[in-house]
Amino acid sequence: MQQIVNFLIKYRNLLLYLFLMVTALTFTIQTHEYHRNTTIHSTGYVTGKLLNTRNKIYDYFDLKNQNNKLSKENASLRMRLLEIGDTLLGKEATFVFSDSIPYRMFPARVIKNDFYKTDNYITIDIGTDQGITSDMGVISPKGIVGIVDKSSTQFSRVISILNSQISLNAQIKGTSTIGSLKWNGNDPYIMSLEDVPRLAKISNGDTIITGKQSTMFPSDILIGRIKNAQLIENGSRYKIDVTLFNDMTDLDYVNVIKNRDRTALQVIDTLGNNE
């Protein structure tokens, strides 16, 4: 208590000055309309700035939640586009299968991505708890990413398309020409379309898409464009360089595809091979 008294005595002149100044400003603002309006405007400006700064801080810490919402919305839009025959996308994981769309989409985030090895893998943050199993296709907004290899309860390993052990069914858009899409282990932006017959009509810039024979991907999902083509095996077949639409060195959110009919299709293929 004595310290408070000493403080008041020591700074009595300053405190008296501040009290009188605040009193004078209060009377001035209350009795003069111009000063009152100016004060209200200034106070509103400062308050607005503070609220805007606060909202920016809140928005920053809410980015993860917003990204999750966007990924789900994107997955939903992709399924709807598939329903009308668009060339890319599918539907959100929480939606049930329909007769016209035998696919479900599971949004996921990439937590590890290799692209500098000969055989590359990707790790995503969903697993068996979300219904993920091996041999499910994985895509991003710009094209195919890979195929699920193994899954634990919360994570899955994906065989990247940048893996020398993988071969995918691909097709030249607008034609019935199909081939095998492979990676030679060098450029992460370029893949090869092989086993394309010599009689195929090919032009630089043609679009490559997933083929109808795939049980892991819907047909017509974008892959890339033809960069150049050359005849091999004594001119009987083409080897085509394809520039990927997808930047495999920069992956964030992806979608895992579940094909309702995959098991049934595989059974039919097995029966055909045994005949």
C-alpha atoms as a PDB file:
ATOM      1  CA  MET A   1       0.000   0.000   0.000  1.00  0.00           C
ATOM      2  CA  GLN A   2       2.829   2.341   0.864  1.00  0.00           C
ATOM      3  CA  GLN A   3       4.369   1.741  -2.594  1.00  0.00           C
ATOM      4  CA  ILE A   4       1.155   2.846  -4.278  1.00  0.00           C
ATOM      5  CA  VAL A   5       1.062   6.011  -2.167  1.00  0.00           C
ATOM      6  CA  ASN A   6       4.687   6.743  -2.985  1.00  0.00           C
ATOM      7  CA  PHE A   7       3.991   6.232  -6.714  1.00  0.00           C
ATOM      8  CA  LEU A   8       1.041   8.666  -6.623  1.00  0.00           C
ATOM      9  CA  ILE A   9       3.092  11.280  -4.773  1.00  0.00           C
ATOM     10  CA  LYS A  10       6.070  10.872  -7.107  1.00  0.00           C
ATOM     11  CA  TYR A  11       4.053  11.152 -10.333  1.00  0.00           C
ATOM     12  CA  ARG A  12       1.268  13.415  -9.077  1.00  0.00           C
ATOM     13  CA  ASN A  13       1.981  16.167 -11.605  1.00  0.00           C
ATOM     14  CA  LEU A  14       1.999  13.768 -14.573  1.00  0.00           C
ATOM     15  CA  LEU A  15      -1.155  12.011 -13.386  1.00  0.00           C
ATOM     16  CA  LEU A  16      -2.925  15.347 -12.868  1.00  0.00           C
ATOM     17  CA  TYR A  17      -1.890  16.447 -16.370  1.00  0.00           C
ATOM     18  CA  LEU A  18      -3.184  13.227 -17.951  1.00  0.00           C
ATOM     19  CA  PHE A  19      -6.468  13.474 -16.038  1.00  0.00           C
ATOM     20  CA  LEU A  20      -7.035  17.061 -17.134  1.00  0.00           C
ATOM     21  CA  MET A  21      -6.088  16.272 -20.735  1.00  0.00           C
ATOM     22  CA  VAL A  22      -8.524  13.326 -20.932  1.00  0.00           C
ATOM     23  CA  THR A  23     -11.256  15.463 -19.332  1.00  0.00           C
ATOM     24  CA  ALA A  24     -10.652  18.301 -21.799  1.00  0.00           C
ATOM     25  CA  LEU A  25     -10.669  15.936 -24.808  1.00  0.00           C
ATOM     26  CA  THR A  26     -13.883  14.308 -23.583  1.00  0.00           C
ATOM     27  CA  PHE A  27     -15.669  17.670 -23.262  1.00  0.00           C
ATOM     28  CA  THR A  28     -14.314  18.805 -26.655  1.00  0.00           C
ATOM     29  CA  ILE A  29     -15.535  15.674 -28.414  1.00  0.00           C
ATOM     30  CA  GLN A  30     -18.953  15.815 -26.742  1.00  0.00           C
ATOM     31  CA  THR A  31     -19.591  19.503 -27.499  1.00  0.00           C
ATOM     32  CA  HIS A  32     -18.195  19.723 -31.058  1.00  0.00           C
ATOM     33  CA  GLU A  33     -19.755  17.624 -33.839  1.00  0.00           C
ATOM     34  CA  TYR A  34     -16.664  17.727 -36.088  1.00  0.00           C
ATOM     35  CA  HIS A  35     -14.374  16.376 -33.376  1.00  0.00           C
ATOM     36  CA  ARG A  36     -16.937  13.733 -32.428  1.00  0.00           C
ATOM     37  CA  ASN A  37     -17.283  12.474 -36.009  1.00  0.00           C
ATOM     38  CA  THR A  38     -13.514  12.443 -36.534  1.00  0.00           C
ATOM     39  CA  THR A  39     -12.987  10.445 -33.351  1.00  0.00           C
ATOM     40  CA  ILE A  40     -15.648   7.897 -34.264  1.00  0.00           C
ATOM     41  CA  HIS A  41     -14.145   7.479 -37.753  1.00  0.00           C
ATOM     42  CA  SER A  42     -10.626   7.017 -36.380  1.00  0.00           C
ATOM     43  CA  THR A  43     -11.780   4.559 -33.742  1.00  0.00           C
ATOM     44  CA  GLY A  44     -13.651   2.546 -36.362  1.00  0.00           C
ATOM     45  CA  TYR A  45     -10.576   2.483 -38.611  1.00  0.00           C
ATOM     46  CA  VAL A  46      -8.309   1.214 -35.805  1.00  0.00           C
ATOM     47  CA  THR A  47     -10.891  -1.357 -34.693  1.00  0.00           C
ATOM     48  CA  GLY A  48     -11.299  -2.562 -38.271  1.00  0.00           C
ATOM     49  CA  LYS A  49      -7.546  -2.986 -38.665  1.00  0.00           C
ATOM     50  CA  LEU A  50      -7.338  -4.972 -35.437  1.00  0.00           C
ATOM     51  CA  LEU A  51     -10.241  -7.222 -36.421  1.00  0.00           C
ATOM     52  CA  ASN A  52      -8.762  -7.767 -39.878  1.00  0.00           C
ATOM     53  CA  THR A  53      -5.415  -8.759 -38.363  1.00  0.00           C
ATOM     54  CA  ARG A  54      -7.158 -11.101 -35.943  1.00  0.00           C
ATOM     55  CA  ASN A  55      -9.110 -12.757 -38.771  1.00  0.00           C
ATOM     56  CA  LYS A  56      -5.924 -13.253 -40.792  1.00  0.00           C
ATOM     57  CA  ILE A  57      -4.316 -14.995 -37.824  1.00  0.00           C
ATOM     58  CA  TYR A  58      -7.378 -17.220 -37.366  1.00  0.00           C
ATOM     59  CA  ASP A  59      -7.427 -18.010 -41.101  1.00  0.00           C
ATOM     60  CA  TYR A  60      -3.762 -19.020 -41.024  1.00  0.00           C
ATOM     61  CA  PHE A  61      -4.272 -21.530 -38.226  1.00  0.00           C
ATOM     62  CA  ASP A  62      -7.422 -22.831 -39.935  1.00  0.00           C
ATOM     63  CA  LEU A  63      -5.648 -23.616 -43.230  1.00  0.00           C
ATOM     64  CA  LYS A  64      -5.378 -27.353 -42.529  1.00  0.00           C
ATOM     65  CA  ASN A  65      -9.105 -27.638 -41.900  1.00  0.00           C
ATOM     66  CA  GLN A  66      -9.912 -25.629 -45.031  1.00  0.00           C
ATOM     67  CA  ASN A  67      -7.575 -27.764 -47.157  1.00  0.00           C
ATOM     68  CA  ASN A  68      -9.330 -30.905 -45.943  1.00  0.00           C
ATOM     69  CA  LYS A  69     -12.707 -29.428 -46.887  1.00  0.00           C
ATOM     70  CA  LEU A  70     -11.439 -28.447 -50.325  1.00  0.00           C
ATOM     71  CA  SER A  71     -10.008 -31.897 -50.982  1.00  0.00           C
ATOM     72  CA  LYS A  72     -13.381 -33.470 -50.185  1.00  0.00           C
ATOM     73  CA  GLU A  73     -15.202 -30.981 -52.395  1.00  0.00           C
ATOM     74  CA  ASN A  74     -12.762 -31.686 -55.237  1.00  0.00           C
ATOM     75  CA  ALA A  75     -13.327 -35.429 -54.898  1.00  0.00           C
ATOM     76  CA  SER A  76     -17.080 -34.901 -55.006  1.00  0.00           C
ATOM     77  CA  LEU A  77     -16.822 -32.787 -58.143  1.00  0.00           C
ATOM     78  CA  ARG A  78     -14.666 -35.424 -59.825  1.00  0.00           C
ATOM     79  CA  MET A  79     -17.278 -38.142 -59.357  1.00  0.00           C
ATOM     80  CA  ARG A  80     -19.963 -35.881 -60.772  1.00  0.00           C
ATOM     81  CA  LEU A  81     -17.808 -35.182 -63.797  1.00  0.00           C
ATOM     82  CA  LEU A  82     -17.355 -38.907 -64.326  1.00  0.00           C
ATOM     83  CA  GLU A  83     -21.121 -39.289 -64.266  1.00  0.00           C
ATOM     84  CA  ILE A  84     -21.468 -37.009 -67.274  1.00  0.00           C
ATOM     85  CA  GLY A  85     -18.535 -38.598 -69.088  1.00  0.00           C
ATOM     86  CA  ASP A  86     -15.867 -35.959 -68.458  1.00  0.00           C
ATOM     87  CA  THR A  87     -12.226 -36.909 -68.941  1.00  0.00           C
ATOM     88  CA  LEU A  88     -10.878 -36.595 -65.439  1.00  0.00           C
ATOM     89  CA  LEU A  89     -12.425 -37.061 -62.169  1.00  0.00           C
ATOM     90  CA  GLY A  90     -14.605 -38.873 -59.581  1.00  0.00           C
ATOM     91  CA  LYS A  91     -16.716 -38.604 -56.387  1.00  0.00           C
ATOM     92  CA  GLU A  92     -16.145 -38.217 -52.654  1.00  0.00           C
ATOM     93  CA  ALA A  93     -15.505 -41.176 -50.382  1.00  0.00           C
ATOM     94  CA  THR A  94     -18.623 -40.765 -48.244  1.00  0.00           C
ATOM     95  CA  PHE A  95     -20.935 -41.227 -51.237  1.00  0.00           C
ATOM     96  CA  VAL A  96     -22.294 -44.699 -51.990  1.00  0.00           C
ATOM     97  CA  PHE A  97     -21.833 -46.448 -55.292  1.00  0.00           C
ATOM     98  CA  SER A  98     -24.418 -45.862 -57.979  1.00  0.00           C
ATOM     99  CA  ASP A  99     -25.291 -48.090 -60.913  1.00  0.00           C
ATOM    100  CA  SER A 100     -23.814 -45.632 -63.397  1.00  0.00           C
ATOM    101  CA  ILE A 101     -20.607 -44.899 -61.463  1.00  0.00           C
ATOM    102  CA  PRO A 102     -18.732 -47.934 -60.105  1.00  0.00           C
ATOM    103  CA  TYR A 103     -16.097 -45.767 -58.386  1.00  0.00           C
ATOM    104  CA  ARG A 104     -15.514 -44.081 -55.054  1.00  0.00           C
ATOM    105  CA  MET A 105     -12.884 -41.454 -54.296  1.00  0.00           C
ATOM    106  CA  PHE A 106     -10.922 -41.241 -51.046  1.00  0.00           C
ATOM    107  CA  PRO A 107      -9.142 -37.882 -50.547  1.00  0.00           C
ATOM    108  CA  ALA A 108      -5.669 -38.222 -49.037  1.00  0.00           C
ATOM    109  CA  ARG A 109      -2.555 -36.170 -48.446  1.00  0.00           C
ATOM    110  CA  VAL A 110       0.930 -37.097 -49.605  1.00  0.00           C
ATOM    111  CA  ILE A 111       3.325 -37.225 -46.655  1.00  0.00           C
ATOM    112  CA  LYS A 112       6.316 -38.651 -48.528  1.00  0.00           C
ATOM    113  CA  ASN A 113       7.133 -38.582 -52.227  1.00  0.00           C
ATOM    114  CA  ASP A 114      10.207 -40.081 -53.910  1.00  0.00           C
ATOM    115  CA  PHE A 115      10.961 -39.199 -57.528  1.00  0.00           C
ATOM    116  CA  TYR A 116      14.740 -39.381 -57.849  1.00  0.00           C
ATOM    117  CA  LYS A 117      15.230 -43.165 -57.661  1.00  0.00           C
ATOM    118  CA  THR A 118      14.732 -45.887 -60.253  1.00  0.00           C
ATOM    119  CA  ASP A 119      11.828 -47.381 -58.282  1.00  0.00           C
ATOM    120  CA  ASN A 120       9.916 -44.671 -56.445  1.00  0.00           C
ATOM    121  CA  TYR A 121       7.165 -44.893 -53.829  1.00  0.00           C
ATOM    122  CA  ILE A 122       4.717 -42.448 -52.259  1.00  0.00           C
ATOM    123  CA  THR A 123       3.228 -42.523 -48.750  1.00  0.00           C
ATOM    124  CA  ILE A 124      -0.298 -41.184 -48.107  1.00  0.00           C
ATOM    125  CA  ASP A 125      -2.143 -40.573 -44.844  1.00  0.00           C
ATOM    126  CA  ILE A 126      -5.077 -43.003 -45.165  1.00  0.00           C
ATOM    127  CA  GLY A 127      -5.147 -46.793 -44.844  1.00  0.00           C
ATOM    128  CA  THR A 128      -7.317 -49.799 -44.076  1.00  0.00           C
ATOM    129  CA  ASP A 129      -9.350 -47.828 -41.531  1.00  0.00           C
ATOM    130  CA  GLN A 130     -10.636 -45.801 -44.483  1.00  0.00           C
ATOM    131  CA  GLY A 131     -11.148 -48.871 -46.698  1.00  0.00           C
ATOM    132  CA  ILE A 132      -7.874 -48.614 -48.642  1.00  0.00           C
ATOM    133  CA  THR A 133      -6.436 -51.862 -50.000  1.00  0.00           C
ATOM    134  CA  SER A 134      -3.752 -52.822 -52.489  1.00  0.00           C
ATOM    135  CA  ASP A 135      -4.208 -52.359 -56.247  1.00  0.00           C
ATOM    136  CA  MET A 136      -6.310 -49.196 -55.925  1.00  0.00           C
ATOM    137  CA  GLY A 137      -5.462 -46.437 -58.390  1.00  0.00           C
ATOM    138  CA  VAL A 138      -4.305 -43.001 -57.195  1.00  0.00           C
ATOM    139  CA  ILE A 139      -4.828 -39.762 -59.130  1.00  0.00           C
ATOM    140  CA  SER A 140      -4.372 -36.028 -58.631  1.00  0.00           C
ATOM    141  CA  PRO A 141      -6.247 -33.135 -60.286  1.00  0.00           C
ATOM    142  CA  LYS A 142      -3.836 -33.288 -63.253  1.00  0.00           C
ATOM    143  CA  GLY A 143      -3.598 -37.018 -63.873  1.00  0.00           C
ATOM    144  CA  ILE A 144      -2.537 -40.436 -62.619  1.00  0.00           C
ATOM    145  CA  VAL A 145      -0.124 -40.828 -59.694  1.00  0.00           C
ATOM    146  CA  GLY A 146       0.285 -44.537 -59.011  1.00  0.00           C
ATOM    147  CA  ILE A 147      -1.187 -47.723 -57.524  1.00  0.00           C
ATOM    148  CA  VAL A 148      -1.590 -48.629 -53.843  1.00  0.00           C
ATOM    149  CA  ASP A 149       0.937 -51.291 -52.882  1.00  0.00           C
ATOM    150  CA  LYS A 150       0.528 -51.841 -49.122  1.00  0.00           C
ATOM    151  CA  SER A 151      -1.691 -50.403 -46.385  1.00  0.00           C
ATOM    152  CA  SER A 152      -1.592 -50.202 -42.597  1.00  0.00           C
ATOM    153  CA  THR A 153      -4.464 -48.891 -40.490  1.00  0.00           C
ATOM    154  CA  GLN A 154      -3.594 -45.217 -41.076  1.00  0.00           C
ATOM    155  CA  PHE A 155      -1.130 -45.089 -43.970  1.00  0.00           C
ATOM    156  CA  SER A 156      -0.613 -46.568 -47.415  1.00  0.00           C
ATOM    157  CA  ARG A 157       2.359 -47.012 -49.718  1.00  0.00           C
ATOM    158  CA  VAL A 158       1.765 -46.187 -53.351  1.00  0.00           C
ATOM    159  CA  ILE A 159       3.860 -47.451 -56.263  1.00  0.00           C
ATOM    160  CA  SER A 160       4.575 -44.245 -58.138  1.00  0.00           C
ATOM    161  CA  ILE A 161       4.205 -44.192 -61.913  1.00  0.00           C
ATOM    162  CA  LEU A 162       7.896 -43.233 -61.689  1.00  0.00           C
ATOM    163  CA  ASN A 163       8.783 -46.852 -60.966  1.00  0.00           C
ATOM    164  CA  SER A 164      10.493 -49.146 -63.445  1.00  0.00           C
ATOM    165  CA  GLN A 165       8.452 -52.126 -62.204  1.00  0.00           C
ATOM    166  CA  ILE A 166       5.080 -50.664 -63.173  1.00  0.00           C
ATOM    167  CA  SER A 167       3.336 -50.834 -66.557  1.00  0.00           C
ATOM    168  CA  LEU A 168      -0.017 -49.168 -67.166  1.00  0.00           C
ATOM    169  CA  ASN A 169      -2.622 -49.509 -69.881  1.00  0.00           C
ATOM    170  CA  ALA A 170      -2.836 -46.219 -71.820  1.00  0.00           C
ATOM    171  CA  GLN A 171      -4.592 -45.012 -74.939  1.00  0.00           C
ATOM    172  CA  ILE A 172      -4.217 -42.262 -77.519  1.00  0.00           C
ATOM    173  CA  LYS A 173      -7.254 -40.040 -77.087  1.00  0.00           C
ATOM    174  CA  GLY A 174      -9.716 -40.090 -79.961  1.00  0.00           C
ATOM    175  CA  THR A 175      -8.459 -43.450 -81.212  1.00  0.00           C
ATOM    176  CA  SER A 176      -8.633 -47.092 -80.187  1.00  0.00           C
ATOM    177  CA  THR A 177      -4.829 -47.354 -80.110  1.00  0.00           C
ATOM    178  CA  ILE A 178      -3.480 -48.633 -76.797  1.00  0.00           C
ATOM    179  CA  GLY A 179      -0.009 -49.271 -75.409  1.00  0.00           C
ATOM    180  CA  SER A 180       1.981 -49.870 -72.246  1.00  0.00           C
ATOM    181  CA  LEU A 181       3.032 -46.816 -70.261  1.00  0.00           C
ATOM    182  CA  LYS A 182       6.438 -47.228 -68.588  1.00  0.00           C
ATOM    183  CA  TRP A 183       9.159 -45.112 -66.957  1.00  0.00           C
ATOM    184  CA  ASN A 184      12.803 -45.474 -67.947  1.00  0.00           C
ATOM    185  CA  GLY A 185      14.159 -44.161 -64.637  1.00  0.00           C
ATOM    186  CA  ASN A 186      15.553 -40.857 -65.935  1.00  0.00           C
ATOM    187  CA  ASP A 187      13.316 -37.811 -66.378  1.00  0.00           C
ATOM    188  CA  PRO A 188      10.438 -37.510 -63.830  1.00  0.00           C
ATOM    189  CA  TYR A 189       8.449 -35.486 -66.368  1.00  0.00           C
ATOM    190  CA  ILE A 190       8.675 -38.003 -69.228  1.00  0.00           C
ATOM    191  CA  MET A 191       7.303 -41.553 -69.617  1.00  0.00           C
ATOM    192  CA  SER A 192       7.294 -43.965 -72.564  1.00  0.00           C
ATOM    193  CA  LEU A 193       4.304 -45.430 -74.352  1.00  0.00           C
ATOM    194  CA  GLU A 194       5.440 -48.737 -75.836  1.00  0.00           C
ATOM    195  CA  ASP A 195       3.997 -51.549 -77.968  1.00  0.00           C
ATOM    196  CA  VAL A 196       2.096 -49.141 -80.219  1.00  0.00           C
ATOM    197  CA  PRO A 197       1.726 -50.695 -83.718  1.00  0.00           C
ATOM    198  CA  ARG A 198       3.232 -49.014 -86.767  1.00  0.00           C
ATOM    199  CA  LEU A 199      -0.163 -48.482 -88.428  1.00  0.00           C
ATOM    200  CA  ALA A 200      -1.357 -46.270 -85.567  1.00  0.00           C
ATOM    201  CA  LYS A 201      -2.018 -42.636 -86.439  1.00  0.00           C
ATOM    202  CA  ILE A 202       0.262 -40.580 -84.214  1.00  0.00           C
ATOM    203  CA  SER A 203       1.031 -36.867 -84.043  1.00  0.00           C
ATOM    204  CA  ASN A 204       3.128 -34.828 -81.654  1.00  0.00           C
ATOM    205  CA  GLY A 205       0.818 -33.157 -79.156  1.00  0.00           C
ATOM    206  CA  ASP A 206      -1.750 -35.975 -79.103  1.00  0.00           C
ATOM    207  CA  THR A 207      -3.230 -36.569 -75.652  1.00  0.00           C
ATOM    208  CA  ILE A 208      -2.621 -39.834 -73.779  1.00  0.00           C
ATOM    209  CA  ILE A 209      -5.323 -41.091 -71.408  1.00  0.00           C
ATOM    210  CA  THR A 210      -6.042 -44.179 -69.327  1.00  0.00           C
ATOM    211  CA  GLY A 211      -7.416 -47.047 -71.391  1.00  0.00           C
ATOM    212  CA  LYS A 212     -10.693 -48.915 -71.028  1.00  0.00           C
ATOM    213  CA  GLN A 213      -8.885 -52.142 -70.121  1.00  0.00           C
ATOM    214  CA  SER A 214      -7.686 -50.817 -66.765  1.00  0.00           C
ATOM    215  CA  THR A 215      -9.412 -52.126 -63.622  1.00  0.00           C
ATOM    216  CA  MET A 216      -7.581 -49.646 -61.382  1.00  0.00           C
ATOM    217  CA  PHE A 217      -8.420 -46.365 -63.112  1.00  0.00           C
ATOM    218  CA  PRO A 218     -11.536 -45.046 -64.825  1.00  0.00           C
ATOM    219  CA  SER A 219     -11.012 -44.650 -68.553  1.00  0.00           C
ATOM    220  CA  ASP A 220     -10.193 -41.257 -70.064  1.00  0.00           C
ATOM    221  CA  ILE A 221      -8.159 -39.908 -67.138  1.00  0.00           C
ATOM    222  CA  LEU A 222      -5.490 -37.595 -68.491  1.00  0.00           C
ATOM    223  CA  ILE A 223      -1.857 -38.719 -68.501  1.00  0.00           C
ATOM    224  CA  GLY A 224       0.153 -36.483 -70.831  1.00  0.00           C
ATOM    225  CA  ARG A 225       0.971 -35.419 -74.399  1.00  0.00           C
ATOM    226  CA  ILE A 226       3.099 -37.060 -77.074  1.00  0.00           C
ATOM    227  CA  LYS A 227       6.463 -35.324 -77.260  1.00  0.00           C
ATOM    228  CA  ASN A 228       7.968 -37.432 -80.023  1.00  0.00           C
ATOM    229  CA  ALA A 229       7.723 -40.949 -81.485  1.00  0.00           C
ATOM    230  CA  GLN A 230      10.166 -43.273 -83.186  1.00  0.00           C
ATOM    231  CA  LEU A 231       9.837 -46.663 -84.846  1.00  0.00           C
ATOM    232  CA  ILE A 232      11.725 -49.553 -83.251  1.00  0.00           C
ATOM    233  CA  GLU A 233      12.002 -53.329 -83.777  1.00  0.00           C
ATOM    234  CA  ASN A 234      12.725 -52.947 -87.489  1.00  0.00           C
ATOM    235  CA  GLY A 235       9.969 -50.416 -87.857  1.00  0.00           C
ATOM    236  CA  SER A 236       7.178 -52.647 -86.560  1.00  0.00           C
ATOM    237  CA  ARG A 237       6.305 -50.647 -83.437  1.00  0.00           C
ATOM    238  CA  TYR A 238       6.522 -47.149 -81.971  1.00  0.00           C
ATOM    239  CA  LYS A 239       8.258 -46.030 -78.839  1.00  0.00           C
ATOM    240  CA  ILE A 240       6.623 -42.757 -77.798  1.00  0.00           C
ATOM    241  CA  ASP A 241       7.865 -40.168 -75.319  1.00  0.00           C
ATOM    242  CA  VAL A 242       4.997 -38.735 -73.284  1.00  0.00           C
ATOM    243  CA  THR A 243       5.256 -35.474 -71.337  1.00  0.00           C
ATOM    244  CA  LEU A 244       3.217 -35.909 -68.149  1.00  0.00           C
ATOM    245  CA  PHE A 245       0.482 -33.434 -67.249  1.00  0.00           C
ATOM    246  CA  ASN A 246       1.143 -34.246 -63.605  1.00  0.00           C
ATOM    247  CA  ASP A 247       4.189 -32.780 -61.873  1.00  0.00           C
ATOM    248  CA  MET A 248       5.297 -35.866 -59.963  1.00  0.00           C
ATOM    249  CA  THR A 249       7.893 -33.830 -58.061  1.00  0.00           C
ATOM    250  CA  ASP A 250       5.212 -31.638 -56.476  1.00  0.00           C
ATOM    251  CA  LEU A 251       2.333 -33.685 -55.032  1.00  0.00           C
ATOM    252  CA  ASP A 252       0.134 -32.648 -52.117  1.00  0.00           C
ATOM    253  CA  TYR A 253      -3.467 -33.859 -52.157  1.00  0.00           C
ATOM    254  CA  VAL A 254      -4.477 -36.956 -54.148  1.00  0.00           C
ATOM    255  CA  ASN A 255      -7.493 -39.245 -54.487  1.00  0.00           C
ATOM    256  CA  VAL A 256      -7.512 -43.021 -54.131  1.00  0.00           C
ATOM    257  CA  ILE A 257      -9.967 -44.808 -56.432  1.00  0.00           C
ATOM    258  CA  LYS A 258     -12.000 -47.842 -55.442  1.00  0.00           C
ATOM    259  CA  ASN A 259     -13.541 -49.741 -58.347  1.00  0.00           C
ATOM    260  CA  ARG A 260     -16.645 -51.611 -57.226  1.00  0.00           C
ATOM    261  CA  ASP A 261     -16.418 -53.996 -60.176  1.00  0.00           C
ATOM    262  CA  ARG A 262     -12.658 -54.709 -60.048  1.00  0.00           C
ATOM    263  CA  THR A 263     -12.934 -58.141 -58.401  1.00  0.00           C
ATOM    264  CA  ALA A 264     -15.655 -59.274 -60.800  1.00  0.00           C
ATOM    265  CA  LEU A 265     -13.630 -58.114 -63.799  1.00  0.00           C
ATOM    266  CA  GLN A 266     -10.532 -59.930 -62.549  1.00  0.00           C
ATOM    267  CA  VAL A 267     -12.535 -63.154 -62.154  1.00  0.00           C
ATOM    268  CA  ILE A 268     -13.750 -62.872 -65.743  1.00  0.00           C
ATOM    269  CA  ASP A 269     -10.174 -62.261 -66.967  1.00  0.00           C
ATOM    270  CA  THR A 270      -8.976 -65.329 -65.040  1.00  0.00           C
ATOM    271  CA  LEU A 271     -11.700 -67.493 -66.508  1.00  0.00           C
ATOM    272  CA  GLY A 272     -10.758 -66.321 -69.985  1.00  0.00           C
ATOM    273  CA  ASN A 273      -7.097 -67.216 -69.435  1.00  0.00           C
ATOM    274  CA  ASN A 274      -7.968 -70.710 -68.234  1.00  0.00           C
ATOM    275  CA  GLU A 275     -10.045 -71.628 -71.268  1.00  0.00           C
END
